[in-house]
Every structure is written in C-alpha cells, then in structure tokens.
Amino acid sequence: MSSSTTSTVERAFRAALYDDNDSGLDTGASLLAADPAADGELARRGEEFVATAWRRGWQPADVVRLVRRELDDAHVHLAAALIRAQMPHDRPRGPRWTAQLDALPHAPARGADRFSHATTVLELYRLLLRLPALEPLEEPRREHRPASRMLTRIRALLAKAEATGFPEEAEALSGKAQELMARHSIDEALLAADAPAKDAPGACRIGVEPPYEQAKAVLLHAVADANHCRAVWNEPLGFSTVVGFEPDLEVVELLYTSLLVQATHAMTKAEAAQRAGGRKRTKTFRQSFLAAYAHRVGDRLAAAADTQVTQVAQDLLPVLATRETAVTDRLERMFPQTTTTRLRGVSDEAGWTEGAQAADRAQVRARPRLD
C-alpha cells in the first residue's frame, strides 16, 4: 500500500463522507475512479467500517436491513460483500449471527463503470460512518440450527406480498409462506431448542418492516409478552429488540411471522371484496385492518397465556416467576427508559371490523405445557 493510494482514499473521504451534498460525492467518486491502485485500500476501509459497526452493537441483518431501506440494491450487495470479506478477521459468534451471514445476498457480477461504482461505495460508507451505537446482543453458544434461514425466506415472501399491488400475486406469495411455516411449526422449534443457561436470558432483533410498521410492532409486542419475552421497538431503525430465553425467542420469531402471513392473506381477501364493492381507499383500509388485527390477536394471546399459567403445576410457578424476573432485569439493563407502542391513525371502520374478524380466525397455537 503506497502513500499515494492512501492519499487518494483520504481525499475522497474528506470530500464525500462528512456532508450530504452531491458535489462532494461527485468529487470523491472522481478521485477514486481515476486511481485504480486505490481500490484495495478502499475495500480495506470498508471492512474497517463493518468491524466498527459490530463494535457499536450492530449485526449483519441490522446493517443489511438499514442499507436496503435507505439506499439501493447495489449498496446492499456491496454491504454483503464487505461483511463476508471481514468475516475471517472477526471473533467467533453464535448461531443467530451465523444464520444472518448465511442469509446475506450474493452480488451479481459488477457491471457499473468506475465512477458509478465509486459513488455507490462512498454512499454506503457515508451511511456506515453514521451508524449510532446499539445495545449489544450476546447469545449463548449453541449448535447451529437451520430454522433461521427458513425464517429469512418467509420474511422475504411476506415483504414481497405486502409490496405488490396485485392481490393475486400477494395471495400466492402468502400461501407459499404459509406452506414453509407449516414445515417448521412453532411446537417443533420449541422442542428442538436447546435448554438455555439458568437465569441467562438473551436478546435478538426482529425487523419491523414498512408499510404499517406501527401495527406490526404492536403485534410483535403482544407475541413477545405472551411467550415470556419483552419487546422494545426502535421506530427510526425499523426493528424491535426482543429479550427472553432462547427457546422463547425462537417461538416469538416463528409465531410473529406466522401471524403476519395470516394477516396478509386475510387482508388481501378482504381488500379485494371491498374493491369489488366500489371501495378505493386502500391505504386507510389496510392500516386500520392491521391495527385491529394486532389489537385483537394481542387479546387472544394474553388470554391463552393466562390459561397456560393456571394449568401448570404449582411447583413450576416459582420457576416461571424466576425466569420472568431475569428477563425483566435484562430488559431494564438494556433499556433503562422504555415506552409503550400505541396505535395511531385508525380511521377506517370497515378495515377495523375486517381485521378484528380475521384475528378471531387466526391460528394462535398455544405453547406446550411445561412438564
């Protein structure tokens, strides 16, 4: 590495990374495009940005989620390539981290000209440079299990189902997600999970994707509460942090995903019926539908959880109480100040009614009794 290549990268960074103006970005990209010898140093700096993100508490899925939301596919693929390149220099991580690495998208062959590629690099680095610190998540060392990869596929199907404007396509995508969910049921995942260390709850982050993310965050909060976990929504960054014991965390991920599948499927059918009757206000209908769905499913989950607690043996109640205390303590250490996620903007009576009815039909599978 020569001083000239380092100088090129430094000058490009000074021009492009510390403000948001396009002229600085163009200047930095021009400098990099004109000096192919600086490519290696530029990539090395990118790996350093990734390592810094890990030290700030970020995980691979967090970075990819934010880059996908704020930038374009080219930036997502570049971020994934940098994460892979940094892997050999990273310390050993747990199975959730490994699953996130396995789910990274693979970039197509590079086809952009040098200036366009340099612009993409600098835009990504500018985002990585400004990542705030997050609460660190540590997980117990366990044998890797493939369920998380399946969850990634289900979430991808759900995201496509919600993004499409064609009800038939949304229904087909939701049906496929339901098929995948059936193969990895909540009960099987719970039975296969390793027992966590005593009084050692962990935490994970679950993406709460737009649109209608507030209703989804409320739904996730309800699922977490019903399964002995707690959820805290980070609205600006598009995720909720769920705190709990490892088998419970996996159940929350699976059940939340399953309920989103069912909600999307039901909403698509209800919306098609509304449109057939001459209705046109799709956005307000969907927002109210999902808000009612989250509210009603929350009530159902809470009732099921209360029933479960009354059915367990008396000698297990202190165990449950101890675990709940451990989860609460971990939550309060991570988030000294938390607020409740409340529903806003519910203005469509038909959407609310349809959503509540769909929630009543949803398959809410009770967890097995603790024997």
Protein backbone atom coordinates (compact mmCIF):
# COMPACT_ATOMS: atom_id res chain seq x y z
CA MET A 1 0.00 0.00 0.00
CA SER A 2 1.58 3.24 -1.14
CA SER A 3 1.15 6.66 0.36
CA SER A 4 -0.38 7.87 -2.90
CA THR A 5 -3.25 5.36 -2.74
CA THR A 6 -3.87 6.22 0.90
CA SER A 7 -3.88 9.89 -0.03
CA THR A 8 -6.44 9.27 -2.78
CA VAL A 9 -8.79 7.50 -0.38
CA GLU A 10 -8.34 10.14 2.32
CA ARG A 11 -9.06 12.97 -0.10
CA ALA A 12 -12.13 11.16 -1.41
CA PHE A 13 -13.38 10.59 2.12
CA ARG A 14 -12.84 14.23 3.09
CA ALA A 15 -14.83 15.35 0.08
CA ALA A 16 -17.71 12.86 0.30
CA LEU A 17 -18.25 11.32 3.72
CA TYR A 18 -18.80 14.18 6.10
CA ASP A 19 -21.71 16.01 4.48
CA ASP A 20 -24.67 15.15 2.27
CA ASN A 21 -24.02 17.37 -0.74
CA ASP A 22 -23.83 15.80 -4.19
CA SER A 23 -20.88 17.90 -5.31
CA GLY A 24 -18.65 16.42 -2.61
CA LEU A 25 -19.82 12.93 -3.54
CA ASP A 26 -19.00 13.57 -7.20
CA THR A 27 -15.57 14.90 -6.28
CA GLY A 28 -14.75 11.87 -4.15
CA ALA A 29 -16.02 9.41 -6.77
CA SER A 30 -13.97 11.15 -9.46
CA LEU A 31 -10.80 10.83 -7.37
CA LEU A 32 -11.37 7.11 -6.79
CA ALA A 33 -12.38 6.39 -10.37
CA ALA A 34 -9.17 7.94 -11.62
CA ASP A 35 -6.90 5.85 -9.37
CA PRO A 36 -7.44 2.05 -9.76
CA ALA A 37 -4.46 1.46 -7.46
CA ALA A 38 -6.59 2.77 -4.57
CA ASP A 39 -9.19 0.00 -4.89
CA GLY A 40 -7.52 -2.29 -2.35
CA GLU A 41 -7.22 0.43 0.27
CA LEU A 42 -10.82 1.48 -0.36
CA ALA A 43 -12.03 -2.09 0.25
CA ARG A 44 -9.92 -2.38 3.39
CA ARG A 45 -11.50 0.79 4.76
CA GLY A 46 -14.91 -0.71 4.10
CA GLU A 47 -14.04 -3.78 6.17
CA GLU A 48 -12.99 -1.43 8.96
CA PHE A 49 -16.38 0.29 8.80
CA VAL A 50 -18.04 -3.12 9.16
CA ALA A 51 -15.86 -4.07 12.15
CA THR A 52 -16.71 -0.73 13.76
CA ALA A 53 -20.42 -1.43 13.24
CA TRP A 54 -20.04 -4.72 15.14
CA ARG A 55 -18.30 -2.91 17.99
CA ARG A 56 -21.23 -0.49 18.09
CA GLY A 57 -23.65 -3.37 18.63
CA TRP A 58 -24.87 -3.88 15.06
CA GLN A 59 -25.33 -7.31 13.49
CA PRO A 60 -25.26 -8.36 9.81
CA ALA A 61 -29.05 -8.41 9.42
CA ASP A 62 -29.30 -4.96 11.03
CA VAL A 63 -26.84 -3.46 8.55
CA VAL A 64 -28.45 -5.10 5.52
CA ARG A 65 -31.93 -4.04 6.67
CA LEU A 66 -30.90 -0.40 7.07
CA VAL A 67 -28.95 -0.27 3.81
CA ARG A 68 -31.89 -1.79 1.92
CA ARG A 69 -34.24 0.79 3.42
CA GLU A 70 -32.02 3.84 2.91
CA LEU A 71 -30.18 3.02 -0.34
CA ASP A 72 -30.46 0.66 -3.33
CA ASP A 73 -29.78 -2.96 -4.26
CA ALA A 74 -26.26 -2.16 -5.41
CA HIS A 75 -25.45 -0.85 -1.93
CA VAL A 76 -26.99 -3.93 -0.31
CA HIS A 77 -24.82 -6.25 -2.40
CA LEU A 78 -21.74 -4.18 -1.65
CA ALA A 79 -22.50 -4.25 2.09
CA ALA A 80 -22.92 -8.04 1.94
CA ALA A 81 -19.57 -8.39 0.16
CA LEU A 82 -17.83 -6.26 2.79
CA ILE A 83 -19.38 -8.30 5.61
CA ARG A 84 -18.14 -11.52 4.00
CA ALA A 85 -14.68 -10.06 3.48
CA GLN A 86 -14.50 -9.05 7.15
CA MET A 87 -15.59 -12.48 8.43
CA PRO A 88 -12.10 -14.07 8.65
CA HIS A 89 -10.99 -11.24 10.96
CA ASP A 90 -14.00 -11.50 13.26
CA ARG A 91 -14.25 -13.40 16.53
CA PRO A 92 -16.50 -16.48 16.84
CA ARG A 93 -20.18 -15.64 17.16
CA GLY A 94 -23.38 -17.52 17.98
CA PRO A 95 -25.86 -19.37 15.75
CA ARG A 96 -28.09 -16.35 15.11
CA TRP A 97 -25.10 -14.44 13.76
CA THR A 98 -24.13 -17.42 11.60
CA ALA A 99 -27.66 -17.64 10.22
CA GLN A 100 -27.54 -13.94 9.32
CA LEU A 101 -24.28 -14.46 7.45
CA ASP A 102 -25.79 -17.39 5.58
CA ALA A 103 -28.72 -15.20 4.54
CA LEU A 104 -26.58 -12.42 3.04
CA PRO A 105 -27.49 -11.73 -0.60
CA HIS A 106 -24.97 -12.69 -3.26
CA ALA A 107 -23.95 -9.86 -5.53
CA PRO A 108 -24.24 -10.16 -9.32
CA ALA A 109 -21.16 -9.58 -11.46
CA ARG A 110 -20.03 -5.98 -11.27
CA GLY A 111 -21.15 -4.09 -14.33
CA ALA A 112 -21.02 -0.42 -13.35
CA ASP A 113 -18.36 1.95 -14.63
CA ARG A 114 -15.68 3.05 -12.17
CA PHE A 115 -17.31 6.38 -11.37
CA SER A 116 -20.72 4.82 -10.68
CA HIS A 117 -19.17 2.10 -8.55
CA ALA A 118 -17.14 4.62 -6.56
CA THR A 119 -20.29 6.65 -5.97
CA THR A 120 -22.05 3.56 -4.62
CA VAL A 121 -19.11 2.80 -2.33
CA LEU A 122 -18.99 6.32 -0.91
CA GLU A 123 -22.76 6.45 -0.36
CA LEU A 124 -22.58 3.19 1.56
CA TYR A 125 -19.57 4.28 3.62
CA ARG A 126 -21.31 7.55 4.46
CA LEU A 127 -24.20 5.56 5.91
CA LEU A 128 -21.93 3.14 7.80
CA LEU A 129 -19.90 6.01 9.22
CA ARG A 130 -23.02 7.45 10.88
CA LEU A 131 -24.42 4.29 12.46
CA PRO A 132 -25.41 5.01 16.07
CA ALA A 133 -24.45 2.70 18.91
CA LEU A 134 -26.96 -0.06 19.67
CA GLU A 135 -27.48 -2.19 22.73
CA PRO A 136 -25.05 -5.14 22.40
CA LEU A 137 -26.67 -8.55 21.93
CA GLU A 138 -24.85 -11.62 23.15
CA GLU A 139 -26.22 -15.10 22.63
CA PRO A 140 -25.35 -18.44 24.22
CA ARG A 141 -23.16 -20.80 22.23
CA ARG A 142 -25.41 -23.46 20.73
CA GLU A 143 -25.32 -25.87 17.85
CA HIS A 144 -26.41 -24.13 14.66
CA ARG A 145 -29.97 -24.91 13.63
CA PRO A 146 -31.33 -24.20 10.14
CA ALA A 147 -34.66 -22.66 11.19
CA SER A 148 -33.38 -19.10 10.97
CA ARG A 149 -32.66 -19.48 7.27
CA MET A 150 -36.24 -20.57 6.74
CA LEU A 151 -37.42 -17.53 8.67
CA THR A 152 -35.45 -15.34 6.29
CA ARG A 153 -37.22 -16.92 3.33
CA ILE A 154 -40.61 -16.43 4.97
CA ARG A 155 -39.91 -12.79 5.72
CA ALA A 156 -38.80 -12.21 2.14
CA LEU A 157 -42.05 -13.68 0.84
CA LEU A 158 -44.04 -11.50 3.23
CA ALA A 159 -42.19 -8.37 2.16
CA LYS A 160 -42.98 -9.11 -1.49
CA ALA A 161 -46.61 -9.87 -0.66
CA GLU A 162 -47.03 -6.52 1.06
CA ALA A 163 -45.19 -4.59 -1.63
CA THR A 164 -47.10 -5.89 -4.65
CA GLY A 165 -50.14 -4.10 -5.95
CA PHE A 166 -51.71 -7.27 -7.33
CA PRO A 167 -53.96 -9.21 -4.92
CA GLU A 168 -53.48 -12.49 -6.80
CA GLU A 169 -49.70 -12.28 -6.51
CA ALA A 170 -49.91 -11.28 -2.83
CA GLU A 171 -52.17 -14.25 -2.11
CA ALA A 172 -49.82 -16.65 -3.91
CA LEU A 173 -46.79 -15.32 -2.01
CA SER A 174 -48.63 -15.52 1.30
CA GLY A 175 -49.70 -19.07 0.54
CA LYS A 176 -46.11 -20.10 -0.10
CA ALA A 177 -45.03 -18.52 3.17
CA GLN A 178 -47.75 -20.43 5.00
CA GLU A 179 -46.51 -23.65 3.40
CA LEU A 180 -42.98 -23.00 4.64
CA MET A 181 -44.30 -22.13 8.06
CA ALA A 182 -46.16 -25.45 8.28
CA ARG A 183 -42.90 -27.33 7.78
CA HIS A 184 -41.28 -25.55 10.70
CA SER A 185 -44.06 -25.30 13.22
CA ILE A 186 -43.76 -23.49 16.49
CA ASP A 187 -44.04 -26.67 18.51
CA GLU A 188 -41.24 -28.43 16.63
CA ALA A 189 -38.95 -25.44 17.01
CA LEU A 190 -39.62 -25.25 20.74
CA LEU A 191 -38.99 -28.96 21.30
CA ALA A 192 -35.77 -28.87 19.27
CA ALA A 193 -34.31 -25.82 21.02
CA ASP A 194 -31.52 -26.38 23.50
CA ALA A 195 -32.19 -25.51 27.11
CA PRO A 196 -30.71 -22.10 27.92
CA ALA A 197 -28.33 -21.45 30.74
CA LYS A 198 -30.14 -20.93 34.01
CA ASP A 199 -31.14 -17.30 34.60
CA ALA A 200 -29.40 -16.21 31.39
CA PRO A 201 -31.90 -14.58 29.02
CA GLY A 202 -30.66 -13.34 25.67
CA ALA A 203 -31.97 -10.93 23.06
CA CYS A 204 -32.49 -10.68 19.32
CA ARG A 205 -33.64 -8.06 16.85
CA ILE A 206 -36.61 -8.62 14.56
CA GLY A 207 -37.24 -6.37 11.60
CA VAL A 208 -40.50 -4.43 11.65
CA GLU A 209 -40.79 -3.50 8.00
CA PRO A 210 -42.93 -0.81 6.40
CA PRO A 211 -45.64 -0.29 5.43
CA TYR A 212 -47.89 -0.11 8.51
CA GLU A 213 -44.98 -0.84 10.81
CA GLN A 214 -46.66 0.57 13.91
CA ALA A 215 -49.40 -2.08 13.84
CA LYS A 216 -46.76 -4.74 13.21
CA ALA A 217 -44.72 -3.53 16.18
CA VAL A 218 -47.81 -3.77 18.40
CA LEU A 219 -48.40 -7.32 17.13
CA LEU A 220 -44.80 -8.31 17.88
CA HIS A 221 -45.07 -6.77 21.35
CA ALA A 222 -48.16 -8.90 22.04
CA VAL A 223 -46.49 -12.08 20.77
CA ALA A 224 -43.43 -11.41 22.94
CA ASP A 225 -45.50 -10.77 26.08
CA ALA A 226 -47.47 -13.97 25.60
CA ASN A 227 -44.28 -16.01 25.32
CA HIS A 228 -42.42 -14.71 28.38
CA CYS A 229 -40.38 -12.17 26.41
CA ARG A 230 -40.37 -8.39 26.15
CA ALA A 231 -40.10 -6.27 23.00
CA VAL A 232 -38.84 -2.71 22.55
CA TRP A 233 -39.48 -1.01 19.20
CA ASN A 234 -36.85 1.19 17.57
CA GLU A 235 -39.02 3.03 15.07
CA PRO A 236 -36.27 5.09 13.36
CA LEU A 237 -34.16 2.00 12.59
CA GLY A 238 -37.02 -0.35 11.75
CA PHE A 239 -36.66 -3.18 14.25
CA SER A 240 -37.75 -4.38 17.68
CA THR A 241 -35.37 -5.85 20.23
CA VAL A 242 -36.89 -8.91 21.92
CA VAL A 243 -35.48 -10.04 25.27
CA GLY A 244 -36.08 -13.56 26.60
CA PHE A 245 -34.72 -17.07 26.97
CA GLU A 246 -33.53 -18.67 23.77
CA PRO A 247 -36.39 -21.15 23.13
CA ASP A 248 -38.88 -18.36 23.81
CA LEU A 249 -37.11 -16.01 21.38
CA GLU A 250 -37.38 -18.59 18.63
CA VAL A 251 -41.08 -19.10 19.36
CA VAL A 252 -41.64 -15.33 19.16
CA GLU A 253 -39.95 -15.15 15.75
CA LEU A 254 -41.94 -18.06 14.39
CA LEU A 255 -45.32 -17.05 15.79
CA TYR A 256 -44.94 -13.42 14.77
CA THR A 257 -44.02 -14.50 11.25
CA SER A 258 -46.95 -16.92 11.10
CA LEU A 259 -49.42 -14.26 12.23
CA LEU A 260 -48.09 -11.80 9.67
CA VAL A 261 -48.62 -14.44 6.98
CA GLN A 262 -52.20 -14.96 8.11
CA ALA A 263 -52.86 -11.22 8.41
CA THR A 264 -51.52 -10.52 4.93
CA HIS A 265 -53.54 -13.34 3.43
CA ALA A 266 -56.76 -12.23 5.17
CA MET A 267 -56.17 -8.57 4.35
CA THR A 268 -55.71 -9.36 0.66
CA LYS A 269 -59.02 -11.21 0.50
CA ALA A 270 -60.88 -8.57 2.49
CA GLU A 271 -59.44 -5.76 0.39
CA ALA A 272 -60.44 -7.50 -2.84
CA ALA A 273 -64.01 -7.82 -1.55
CA GLN A 274 -64.05 -4.13 -0.58
CA ARG A 275 -62.81 -3.10 -4.02
CA ALA A 276 -65.42 -5.27 -5.68
CA GLY A 277 -67.99 -3.21 -3.81
CA GLY A 278 -66.60 0.02 -5.24
CA ARG A 279 -64.20 0.99 -2.46
CA LYS A 280 -60.96 2.79 -3.41
CA ARG A 281 -59.24 3.89 -0.15
CA THR A 282 -56.78 1.00 0.04
CA LYS A 283 -54.18 2.56 2.35
CA THR A 284 -56.55 3.55 5.15
CA PHE A 285 -58.30 0.18 4.93
CA ARG A 286 -55.02 -1.73 5.26
CA GLN A 287 -53.78 0.41 8.12
CA SER A 288 -56.99 0.00 10.09
CA PHE A 289 -57.18 -3.70 9.25
CA LEU A 290 -53.71 -4.43 10.59
CA ALA A 291 -54.24 -2.23 13.64
CA ALA A 292 -57.40 -4.14 14.56
CA TYR A 293 -55.68 -7.44 13.84
CA ALA A 294 -52.79 -6.61 16.16
CA HIS A 295 -55.13 -5.40 18.91
CA ARG A 296 -57.41 -8.44 18.76
CA VAL A 297 -54.63 -11.03 18.43
CA GLY A 298 -52.95 -9.41 21.41
CA ASP A 299 -56.08 -10.01 23.47
CA ARG A 300 -56.26 -13.63 22.31
CA LEU A 301 -52.60 -14.29 23.07
CA ALA A 302 -52.90 -12.73 26.52
CA ALA A 303 -55.91 -14.90 27.32
CA ALA A 304 -54.11 -18.02 26.10
CA ALA A 305 -51.06 -17.16 28.19
CA ASP A 306 -53.19 -16.68 31.31
CA THR A 307 -54.85 -20.05 30.72
CA GLN A 308 -51.48 -21.73 30.34
CA VAL A 309 -50.17 -20.30 33.60
CA THR A 310 -53.22 -21.52 35.52
CA GLN A 311 -52.72 -25.05 34.14
CA VAL A 312 -49.06 -25.58 35.05
CA ALA A 313 -48.11 -27.49 38.17
CA GLN A 314 -47.81 -25.37 41.30
CA ASP A 315 -44.14 -26.30 41.76
CA LEU A 316 -43.34 -24.79 38.34
CA LEU A 317 -44.79 -21.38 39.14
CA PRO A 318 -41.66 -20.22 41.05
CA VAL A 319 -39.54 -21.29 38.05
CA LEU A 320 -41.67 -19.20 35.72
CA ALA A 321 -41.53 -16.27 38.11
CA THR A 322 -37.74 -16.51 38.35
CA ARG A 323 -37.39 -16.57 34.59
CA GLU A 324 -39.72 -13.60 34.21
CA THR A 325 -37.68 -11.64 36.74
CA ALA A 326 -34.48 -12.46 34.86
CA VAL A 327 -35.99 -11.25 31.58
CA THR A 328 -37.24 -8.04 33.19
CA ASP A 329 -33.83 -7.37 34.73
CA ARG A 330 -32.09 -7.87 31.41
CA LEU A 331 -34.59 -5.58 29.67
CA GLU A 332 -34.12 -2.82 32.23
CA ARG A 333 -30.35 -3.02 31.94
CA MET A 334 -30.54 -2.74 28.15
CA PHE A 335 -33.30 -0.13 28.04
CA PRO A 336 -33.48 1.97 31.23
CA GLN A 337 -36.22 4.08 29.64
CA THR A 338 -38.90 2.41 27.52
CA THR A 339 -42.28 3.47 26.20
CA THR A 340 -45.37 1.57 25.13
CA THR A 341 -46.14 1.29 21.43
CA ARG A 342 -49.61 2.74 20.84
CA LEU A 343 -51.76 2.60 17.72
CA ARG A 344 -52.37 5.83 15.82
CA GLY A 345 -54.23 6.79 12.69
CA VAL A 346 -57.02 4.20 12.84
CA SER A 347 -59.76 5.85 10.78
CA ASP A 348 -61.38 3.12 8.70
CA GLU A 349 -64.31 1.35 10.32
CA ALA A 350 -64.56 -1.36 7.66
CA GLY A 351 -60.85 -2.08 7.90
CA TRP A 352 -61.02 -2.34 11.69
CA THR A 353 -64.02 -4.68 11.57
CA GLU A 354 -62.46 -6.93 8.93
CA GLY A 355 -59.15 -7.00 10.80
CA ALA A 356 -60.76 -7.97 14.09
CA GLN A 357 -62.69 -10.77 12.40
CA ALA A 358 -59.53 -12.05 10.73
CA ALA A 359 -57.76 -12.08 14.09
CA ASP A 360 -60.55 -14.19 15.53
CA ARG A 361 -59.97 -16.72 12.74
CA ALA A 362 -56.17 -16.70 13.08
CA GLN A 363 -54.50 -19.89 14.24
CA VAL A 364 -52.99 -18.99 17.60
CA ARG A 365 -51.32 -22.18 18.73
CA ALA A 366 -50.81 -22.44 22.47
CA ARG A 367 -47.37 -23.40 23.69
CA PRO A 368 -46.94 -26.88 25.16
CA ARG A 369 -47.26 -27.18 28.90
CA LEU A 370 -44.05 -27.25 30.87
CA ASP A 371 -43.82 -30.75 32.29
